[in-house]
Amino acid sequence: MKNLLRRRFLPAILCMALALGLSACGGKDTPPVETETDGAMGTLSGSKGEKDSGVGVFSGSGEETVEAELAEESLNLLYDAMAYDDQYAGAVAYLGYRKQGDSTPLSDWLVENCAGLVEAMPFLLHIPAERILGAGWGDLFCIVPRDENTSLAVNHVTWESLGNGVWPVPGEVLYREECAQPVLIFVNYEQWRDEPDTEIVLVTNDGVEMKWLPLTDEYGIPIVPTGENYLPTLMDFGIWGYVTGLDYPEDWEPSGDDWWLPPTDWGLAYTNWTCEHWYIEFGWGDSDPDYSGRIDLYHQPEDGQEYAYSYSGIWRMEGDCLHLDLSDGAGTRMSGSFPVLIDPSGESLHIQQDRETGVCPPFFGEGMTCMDLIRAYG
């Protein structure tokens, strides 16, 4: 895992050295004029080429050659990451909402709206126009197939009442390739937020099939489908936009060879955890509407003694961080956002001190900057 993570962060470090070059890619001096019927075609041209040419067309200059190499390296890095888990059919990142009528070149829009991810994964700026799908506005996702032998279909769907509920019915095929490449997809919705107008179908070379209707939670985290043992079948690589190896101490990563990811709000709901002399309960709902649920902390003074109430409060996930707002009921309050990762089995939760303030949760021992919580049942 250490070798994988070192390779994972290399493109980000190299891209820092090219920050000026990357900024130049987002120039807005001569934005193209587009109509709504133009769709997304050509919107990635930005300052690198003419309309409908995409950004994969280079003049041969040294700077553009380096950028192309970095883009390819970042994509290969993502392929390598997915290869560590046979259950992944592909990867996804939510890139934000683009307003209808926005004529900003898409390359400029990406740099402005998800600069961290673009810096870590510069291949996003090199997806050609023919692989930009949808209306050109709405929620923008990037889908990356597991490898060059994975097929991808992107279908437009409508929602119809079929007697036992409302269900998506596939219609126009927006993209279909047996040996698929990364695509950008603009997704919109019918009457309700849980009725996206797009369906994603990925099939790997070894027969893993994944169907997904693109949805995110209230914080913009993709709600990815799960497979065996409720493990995700899509890797959320959007996290690479706000997590880098420079944010952590040298010993930040948990032990083990499997791929750890931040949990979702629902993944933490109704779970209990232990560490040393602490017992932690995550509830769901019945809290401030800006939070996911309540949390209660109990402390055991000595071995064999009963756990006693110590702190309670509210919690939510913010990207890769668990945000806690706690009180001991006697006037002591604490809050912080703590980077957190859960192992693939769901049995171990790795949590760190607040990366900005250095604040630690109350269950950290003296001098500790990170620790693992163990799942408890009953």
Protein backbone atom coordinates (compact mmCIF):
# COMPACT_ATOMS: atom_id res chain seq x y z
CA MET A 1 0.00 0.00 0.00
CA LYS A 2 2.86 2.36 0.79
CA ASN A 3 4.28 1.95 -2.71
CA LEU A 4 0.85 2.51 -4.24
CA LEU A 5 0.27 5.68 -2.27
CA ARG A 6 3.71 7.02 -3.11
CA ARG A 7 2.88 6.51 -6.81
CA ARG A 8 -0.54 8.01 -6.19
CA PHE A 9 0.87 11.31 -5.02
CA LEU A 10 3.72 11.62 -7.53
CA PRO A 11 1.61 13.26 -10.26
CA ALA A 12 0.33 15.83 -7.77
CA ILE A 13 3.86 16.76 -6.78
CA LEU A 14 4.99 16.98 -10.40
CA CYS A 15 1.94 19.06 -11.29
CA MET A 16 2.83 21.59 -8.61
CA ALA A 17 5.99 22.29 -10.55
CA LEU A 18 3.81 22.96 -13.58
CA ALA A 19 1.32 25.23 -11.79
CA LEU A 20 2.04 28.16 -14.07
CA GLY A 21 1.58 25.99 -17.14
CA LEU A 22 -1.68 24.65 -15.79
CA SER A 23 -2.94 28.16 -15.13
CA ALA A 24 -2.15 29.04 -18.71
CA CYS A 25 -4.46 26.23 -19.82
CA GLY A 26 -7.37 28.01 -18.21
CA GLY A 27 -7.16 31.36 -19.95
CA LYS A 28 -10.49 33.11 -20.55
CA ASP A 29 -9.43 35.78 -23.03
CA THR A 30 -11.35 34.37 -26.00
CA PRO A 31 -14.13 32.07 -24.84
CA PRO A 32 -16.01 30.40 -27.68
CA VAL A 33 -19.59 31.39 -28.30
CA GLU A 34 -21.93 28.41 -27.96
CA THR A 35 -25.64 27.84 -28.19
CA GLU A 36 -27.48 25.41 -25.95
CA THR A 37 -27.88 23.03 -28.88
CA ASP A 38 -24.12 22.90 -29.30
CA GLY A 39 -24.06 20.57 -26.29
CA ALA A 40 -20.65 19.90 -24.85
CA MET A 41 -18.81 19.41 -28.10
CA GLY A 42 -15.60 21.38 -28.18
CA THR A 43 -15.99 22.83 -24.70
CA LEU A 44 -12.64 21.49 -23.60
CA SER A 45 -10.78 23.43 -26.25
CA GLY A 46 -10.12 26.38 -23.91
CA SER A 47 -6.90 28.10 -24.89
CA LYS A 48 -5.32 24.99 -26.40
CA GLY A 49 -7.15 24.61 -29.69
CA GLU A 50 -10.09 25.47 -31.83
CA LYS A 51 -13.70 24.58 -31.16
CA ASP A 52 -14.55 20.89 -31.66
CA SER A 53 -10.86 19.96 -31.45
CA GLY A 54 -10.80 18.93 -27.79
CA VAL A 55 -7.63 19.38 -25.82
CA GLY A 56 -5.79 16.35 -27.06
CA VAL A 57 -4.37 18.24 -30.04
CA PHE A 58 -0.84 19.50 -29.42
CA SER A 59 1.42 21.73 -31.41
CA GLY A 60 4.49 19.76 -30.39
CA SER A 61 5.96 22.32 -27.99
CA GLY A 62 7.96 21.04 -25.05
CA GLU A 63 5.47 22.33 -22.50
CA GLU A 64 2.52 20.59 -24.14
CA THR A 65 4.51 17.36 -24.42
CA VAL A 66 5.22 17.43 -20.69
CA GLU A 67 1.54 18.11 -19.94
CA ALA A 68 0.49 15.19 -22.13
CA GLU A 69 2.94 12.92 -20.34
CA LEU A 70 1.63 14.02 -16.95
CA ALA A 71 -1.93 13.42 -18.09
CA GLU A 72 -1.08 9.89 -19.22
CA GLU A 73 0.84 9.22 -16.02
CA SER A 74 -2.09 10.31 -13.84
CA LEU A 75 -4.48 8.07 -15.77
CA ASN A 76 -2.13 5.09 -15.46
CA LEU A 77 -1.92 5.80 -11.75
CA LEU A 78 -5.69 5.51 -11.48
CA TYR A 79 -5.65 2.25 -13.45
CA ASP A 80 -3.01 0.89 -11.06
CA ALA A 81 -5.11 1.87 -8.04
CA MET A 82 -8.19 0.05 -9.36
CA ALA A 83 -6.13 -3.05 -10.12
CA TYR A 84 -5.70 -3.66 -6.38
CA ASP A 85 -9.37 -4.64 -5.99
CA ASP A 86 -11.06 -7.09 -8.36
CA GLN A 87 -14.47 -5.71 -7.46
CA TYR A 88 -13.87 -2.29 -9.05
CA ALA A 89 -15.48 -1.95 -12.48
CA GLY A 90 -14.27 1.62 -12.81
CA ALA A 91 -13.79 4.95 -11.08
CA VAL A 92 -15.89 8.09 -10.74
CA ALA A 93 -15.41 11.69 -9.67
CA TYR A 94 -18.07 14.34 -9.21
CA LEU A 95 -16.73 17.58 -10.68
CA GLY A 96 -19.51 20.00 -9.75
CA TYR A 97 -22.58 21.66 -11.22
CA ARG A 98 -22.25 23.71 -14.42
CA LYS A 99 -25.04 26.22 -14.99
CA GLN A 100 -27.10 26.22 -18.16
CA GLY A 101 -25.82 28.83 -20.59
CA ASP A 102 -22.32 28.97 -19.07
CA SER A 103 -20.05 29.62 -22.07
CA THR A 104 -16.77 29.32 -20.16
CA PRO A 105 -14.47 26.81 -21.89
CA LEU A 106 -14.77 23.58 -19.97
CA SER A 107 -11.04 23.38 -19.30
CA ASP A 108 -11.19 26.78 -17.59
CA TRP A 109 -14.32 25.75 -15.70
CA LEU A 110 -12.62 22.60 -14.40
CA VAL A 111 -9.55 24.49 -13.22
CA GLU A 112 -11.77 26.99 -11.43
CA ASN A 113 -14.19 24.50 -9.85
CA CYS A 114 -11.98 21.53 -8.95
CA ALA A 115 -8.43 22.81 -9.13
CA GLY A 116 -7.05 20.28 -6.64
CA LEU A 117 -8.34 17.29 -8.58
CA VAL A 118 -7.23 18.72 -11.92
CA GLU A 119 -3.75 19.23 -10.48
CA ALA A 120 -3.60 15.63 -9.22
CA MET A 121 -5.37 14.11 -12.24
CA PRO A 122 -4.49 16.32 -15.27
CA PHE A 123 -5.93 13.75 -17.70
CA LEU A 124 -9.27 15.47 -16.98
CA LEU A 125 -8.15 18.34 -19.21
CA HIS A 126 -7.26 15.99 -22.06
CA ILE A 127 -10.56 14.20 -22.65
CA PRO A 128 -11.54 14.90 -26.27
CA ALA A 129 -14.82 16.48 -27.26
CA GLU A 130 -16.32 13.26 -28.62
CA ARG A 131 -16.16 11.81 -25.11
CA ILE A 132 -17.97 14.74 -23.46
CA LEU A 133 -21.58 13.61 -23.18
CA GLY A 134 -24.88 15.18 -22.27
CA ALA A 135 -26.39 18.64 -22.53
CA GLY A 136 -23.24 20.59 -21.61
CA TRP A 137 -24.73 21.70 -18.30
CA GLY A 138 -25.84 20.03 -15.09
CA ASP A 139 -23.95 17.79 -12.68
CA LEU A 140 -20.64 16.80 -14.25
CA PHE A 141 -19.11 13.38 -13.61
CA CYS A 142 -15.99 11.71 -14.93
CA ILE A 143 -16.19 7.95 -15.46
CA VAL A 144 -12.99 5.94 -15.95
CA PRO A 145 -13.26 2.25 -16.91
CA ARG A 146 -11.19 -0.22 -14.91
CA ASP A 147 -8.76 -0.85 -17.77
CA GLU A 148 -8.53 -0.92 -21.56
CA ASN A 149 -10.48 -4.20 -21.67
CA THR A 150 -13.54 -2.80 -19.87
CA SER A 151 -16.63 -1.89 -21.89
CA LEU A 152 -18.68 1.20 -21.14
CA ALA A 153 -22.18 2.21 -22.19
CA VAL A 154 -23.77 5.55 -21.34
CA ASN A 155 -27.51 5.64 -21.98
CA HIS A 156 -30.05 8.43 -21.72
CA VAL A 157 -32.99 7.27 -19.60
CA THR A 158 -36.52 8.43 -18.90
CA TRP A 159 -38.52 7.59 -15.81
CA GLU A 160 -41.82 5.81 -16.42
CA SER A 161 -44.51 4.34 -14.20
CA LEU A 162 -44.52 0.58 -14.77
CA GLY A 163 -47.25 -0.43 -12.35
CA ASN A 164 -45.02 -1.23 -9.39
CA GLY A 165 -43.32 2.13 -9.19
CA VAL A 166 -41.39 4.57 -11.35
CA TRP A 167 -38.39 3.03 -13.09
CA PRO A 168 -35.68 4.22 -15.52
CA VAL A 169 -36.16 3.14 -19.12
CA PRO A 170 -33.03 3.27 -21.36
CA GLY A 171 -33.33 5.28 -24.55
CA GLU A 172 -30.67 6.97 -26.69
CA VAL A 173 -27.17 5.51 -26.48
CA LEU A 174 -24.78 8.39 -25.81
CA TYR A 175 -21.60 6.30 -25.80
CA ARG A 176 -20.72 2.64 -26.22
CA GLU A 177 -17.26 1.15 -26.56
CA GLU A 178 -15.89 -2.31 -25.86
CA CYS A 179 -12.45 -0.89 -25.05
CA ALA A 180 -13.61 2.25 -23.32
CA GLN A 181 -11.75 5.43 -22.41
CA PRO A 182 -12.54 8.08 -19.74
CA VAL A 183 -15.64 10.15 -20.42
CA LEU A 184 -17.16 13.32 -19.00
CA ILE A 185 -20.92 13.15 -18.51
CA PHE A 186 -23.37 15.96 -17.79
CA VAL A 187 -26.31 14.59 -15.82
CA ASN A 188 -29.68 16.23 -15.27
CA TYR A 189 -32.85 15.05 -13.56
CA GLU A 190 -36.54 14.62 -14.22
CA GLN A 191 -39.08 15.55 -11.56
CA TRP A 192 -37.04 14.47 -8.54
CA ARG A 193 -33.40 14.56 -7.56
CA ASP A 194 -33.26 10.75 -7.41
CA GLU A 195 -34.31 10.50 -11.09
CA PRO A 196 -31.12 11.14 -13.12
CA ASP A 197 -31.46 11.11 -16.88
CA THR A 198 -28.37 8.96 -17.42
CA GLU A 199 -27.40 5.32 -16.84
CA ILE A 200 -23.82 4.05 -16.68
CA VAL A 201 -23.04 0.41 -17.52
CA LEU A 202 -19.52 -0.99 -17.07
CA VAL A 203 -18.49 -4.60 -17.79
CA THR A 204 -14.95 -5.74 -17.03
CA ASN A 205 -13.02 -8.36 -18.94
CA ASP A 206 -13.57 -10.91 -16.14
CA GLY A 207 -17.34 -10.43 -16.12
CA VAL A 208 -17.91 -7.89 -13.35
CA GLU A 209 -20.94 -5.81 -14.41
CA MET A 210 -21.98 -2.55 -12.80
CA LYS A 211 -25.02 -0.41 -13.54
CA TRP A 212 -25.24 3.02 -11.95
CA LEU A 213 -27.63 5.96 -12.02
CA PRO A 214 -25.33 8.90 -11.13
CA LEU A 215 -26.30 10.37 -7.76
CA THR A 216 -24.47 12.26 -5.02
CA ASP A 217 -25.23 12.94 -1.40
CA GLU A 218 -25.80 16.44 -0.02
CA TYR A 219 -22.04 17.04 0.16
CA GLY A 220 -21.36 16.11 -3.46
CA ILE A 221 -19.96 12.65 -2.67
CA PRO A 222 -21.02 10.07 -5.30
CA ILE A 223 -23.39 7.41 -3.93
CA VAL A 224 -21.62 4.50 -5.59
CA PRO A 225 -23.08 1.02 -6.08
CA THR A 226 -21.85 -1.87 -3.95
CA GLY A 227 -21.24 -5.51 -4.68
CA GLU A 228 -20.14 -8.51 -2.66
CA ASN A 229 -19.84 -7.78 1.08
CA TYR A 230 -21.27 -4.32 0.33
CA LEU A 231 -17.93 -3.13 -1.02
CA PRO A 232 -17.98 -0.36 -3.66
CA THR A 233 -17.82 -1.32 -7.33
CA LEU A 234 -16.77 2.20 -8.30
CA MET A 235 -13.71 3.94 -6.86
CA ASP A 236 -14.35 7.57 -5.95
CA PHE A 237 -11.17 9.26 -7.17
CA GLY A 238 -12.54 12.73 -6.40
CA ILE A 239 -10.85 12.38 -3.01
CA TRP A 240 -7.49 12.84 -4.73
CA GLY A 241 -8.40 16.47 -5.19
CA TYR A 242 -8.23 17.24 -1.48
CA VAL A 243 -6.00 14.56 0.03
CA THR A 244 -2.25 14.55 -0.60
CA GLY A 245 0.63 12.87 1.16
CA LEU A 246 1.85 16.32 2.19
CA ASP A 247 -1.14 16.71 4.52
CA TYR A 248 -0.14 13.88 6.84
CA PRO A 249 2.71 12.79 9.12
CA GLU A 250 4.95 10.04 7.78
CA ASP A 251 3.11 7.30 9.70
CA TRP A 252 -0.39 8.46 8.75
CA GLU A 253 -1.47 5.47 6.69
CA PRO A 254 -3.11 2.47 8.39
CA SER A 255 -1.57 -0.97 8.17
CA GLY A 256 -2.68 -3.52 5.61
CA ASP A 257 -2.45 -4.01 1.87
CA ASP A 258 -6.04 -3.26 0.87
CA TRP A 259 -7.37 0.08 -0.33
CA TRP A 260 -8.80 2.24 2.47
CA LEU A 261 -11.39 4.94 1.65
CA PRO A 262 -13.30 7.59 3.60
CA PRO A 263 -16.63 6.21 4.83
CA THR A 264 -19.95 7.71 3.76
CA ASP A 265 -22.43 9.23 6.21
CA TRP A 266 -24.69 6.23 5.81
CA GLY A 267 -21.70 3.90 6.23
CA LEU A 268 -21.14 5.28 9.74
CA ALA A 269 -24.80 5.48 10.72
CA TYR A 270 -25.84 3.07 13.48
CA THR A 271 -22.29 1.79 14.04
CA ASN A 272 -20.40 1.40 17.33
CA TRP A 273 -16.64 1.56 17.85
CA THR A 274 -14.13 0.95 20.64
CA CYS A 275 -10.60 2.09 21.40
CA GLU A 276 -8.65 1.73 24.65
CA HIS A 277 -11.19 2.67 27.35
CA TRP A 278 -13.72 4.37 25.03
CA TYR A 279 -16.98 3.26 23.45
CA ILE A 280 -18.45 5.38 20.61
CA GLU A 281 -21.98 5.23 19.16
CA PHE A 282 -22.97 6.86 15.85
CA GLY A 283 -26.68 7.60 15.55
CA TRP A 284 -28.67 8.79 12.54
CA GLY A 285 -31.04 11.74 12.29
CA ASP A 286 -32.67 13.41 15.31
CA SER A 287 -30.10 16.20 15.14
CA ASP A 288 -29.34 19.58 13.62
CA PRO A 289 -30.43 19.38 9.93
CA ASP A 290 -26.90 20.32 8.88
CA TYR A 291 -25.59 17.15 10.51
CA SER A 292 -26.14 13.45 9.85
CA GLY A 293 -26.88 12.33 13.38
CA ARG A 294 -25.99 12.25 17.06
CA ILE A 295 -22.88 10.72 18.57
CA ASP A 296 -22.31 9.53 22.15
CA LEU A 297 -18.96 8.78 23.79
CA TYR A 298 -18.57 6.63 26.88
CA HIS A 299 -15.40 6.27 28.95
CA GLN A 300 -14.24 3.40 31.13
CA PRO A 301 -11.99 4.75 33.93
CA GLU A 302 -10.28 1.41 34.63
CA ASP A 303 -10.40 -2.15 33.33
CA GLY A 304 -13.48 -3.94 34.57
CA GLN A 305 -15.37 -0.79 35.48
CA GLU A 306 -18.57 0.25 33.76
CA TYR A 307 -18.57 2.73 30.92
CA ALA A 308 -19.83 6.17 31.93
CA TYR A 309 -21.29 8.91 29.70
CA SER A 310 -18.55 11.36 28.76
CA TYR A 311 -19.47 13.36 25.62
CA SER A 312 -22.39 13.69 23.24
CA GLY A 313 -22.89 15.80 20.16
CA ILE A 314 -23.51 15.74 16.42
CA TRP A 315 -21.53 14.49 13.44
CA ARG A 316 -21.33 14.50 9.65
CA MET A 317 -18.84 13.58 6.95
CA GLU A 318 -17.18 16.48 5.09
CA GLY A 319 -15.32 14.98 2.14
CA ASP A 320 -12.66 12.76 3.71
CA CYS A 321 -13.14 14.24 7.20
CA LEU A 322 -15.41 13.33 10.09
CA HIS A 323 -16.68 16.57 11.59
CA LEU A 324 -17.59 16.37 15.29
CA ASP A 325 -19.20 18.95 17.56
CA LEU A 326 -19.09 17.58 21.12
CA SER A 327 -20.01 18.65 24.64
CA ASP A 328 -19.45 16.96 28.01
CA GLY A 329 -22.61 18.57 29.44
CA ALA A 330 -20.57 20.54 31.98
CA GLY A 331 -19.45 23.44 29.83
CA THR A 332 -16.61 21.82 27.91
CA ARG A 333 -17.07 21.80 24.14
CA MET A 334 -14.83 20.74 21.28
CA SER A 335 -15.19 20.54 17.52
CA GLY A 336 -12.97 19.58 14.63
CA SER A 337 -12.74 17.90 11.25
CA PHE A 338 -10.72 14.72 11.44
CA PRO A 339 -9.43 12.85 8.36
CA VAL A 340 -10.85 9.33 8.47
CA LEU A 341 -10.49 6.12 6.45
CA ILE A 342 -12.31 2.81 6.77
CA ASP A 343 -10.81 -0.53 5.77
CA PRO A 344 -12.55 -2.61 3.08
CA SER A 345 -13.99 -5.02 5.66
CA GLY A 346 -15.63 -2.16 7.57
CA GLU A 347 -14.11 -3.40 10.82
CA SER A 348 -11.44 -0.75 11.39
CA LEU A 349 -11.68 3.05 11.27
CA HIS A 350 -8.49 5.09 11.05
CA ILE A 351 -8.82 8.67 12.36
CA GLN A 352 -6.33 11.52 12.62
CA GLN A 353 -6.06 14.87 14.33
CA ASP A 354 -7.57 17.93 12.62
CA ARG A 355 -5.08 18.71 9.86
CA GLU A 356 -5.60 22.48 10.15
CA THR A 357 -5.93 23.09 13.89
CA GLY A 358 -4.19 20.04 15.35
CA VAL A 359 -7.21 19.41 17.61
CA CYS A 360 -7.66 15.75 18.62
CA PRO A 361 -10.86 13.89 19.55
CA PRO A 362 -11.25 13.28 23.30
CA PHE A 363 -10.59 9.56 22.91
CA PHE A 364 -7.02 10.16 21.68
CA GLY A 365 -4.33 9.40 24.25
CA GLU A 366 -1.76 12.01 25.26
CA GLY A 367 0.64 12.78 22.43
CA MET A 368 -1.33 10.77 19.84
CA THR A 369 -2.01 12.21 16.38
CA CYS A 370 -3.87 9.21 14.93
CA MET A 371 -5.41 5.93 16.02
CA ASP A 372 -7.58 3.04 14.87
CA LEU A 373 -11.09 2.35 16.15
CA ILE A 374 -12.40 -1.23 16.15
CA ARG A 375 -15.99 -2.04 15.15
CA ALA A 376 -18.16 -3.21 18.05
CA TYR A 377 -21.47 -5.05 17.89
CA GLY A 378 -24.34 -5.22 20.38
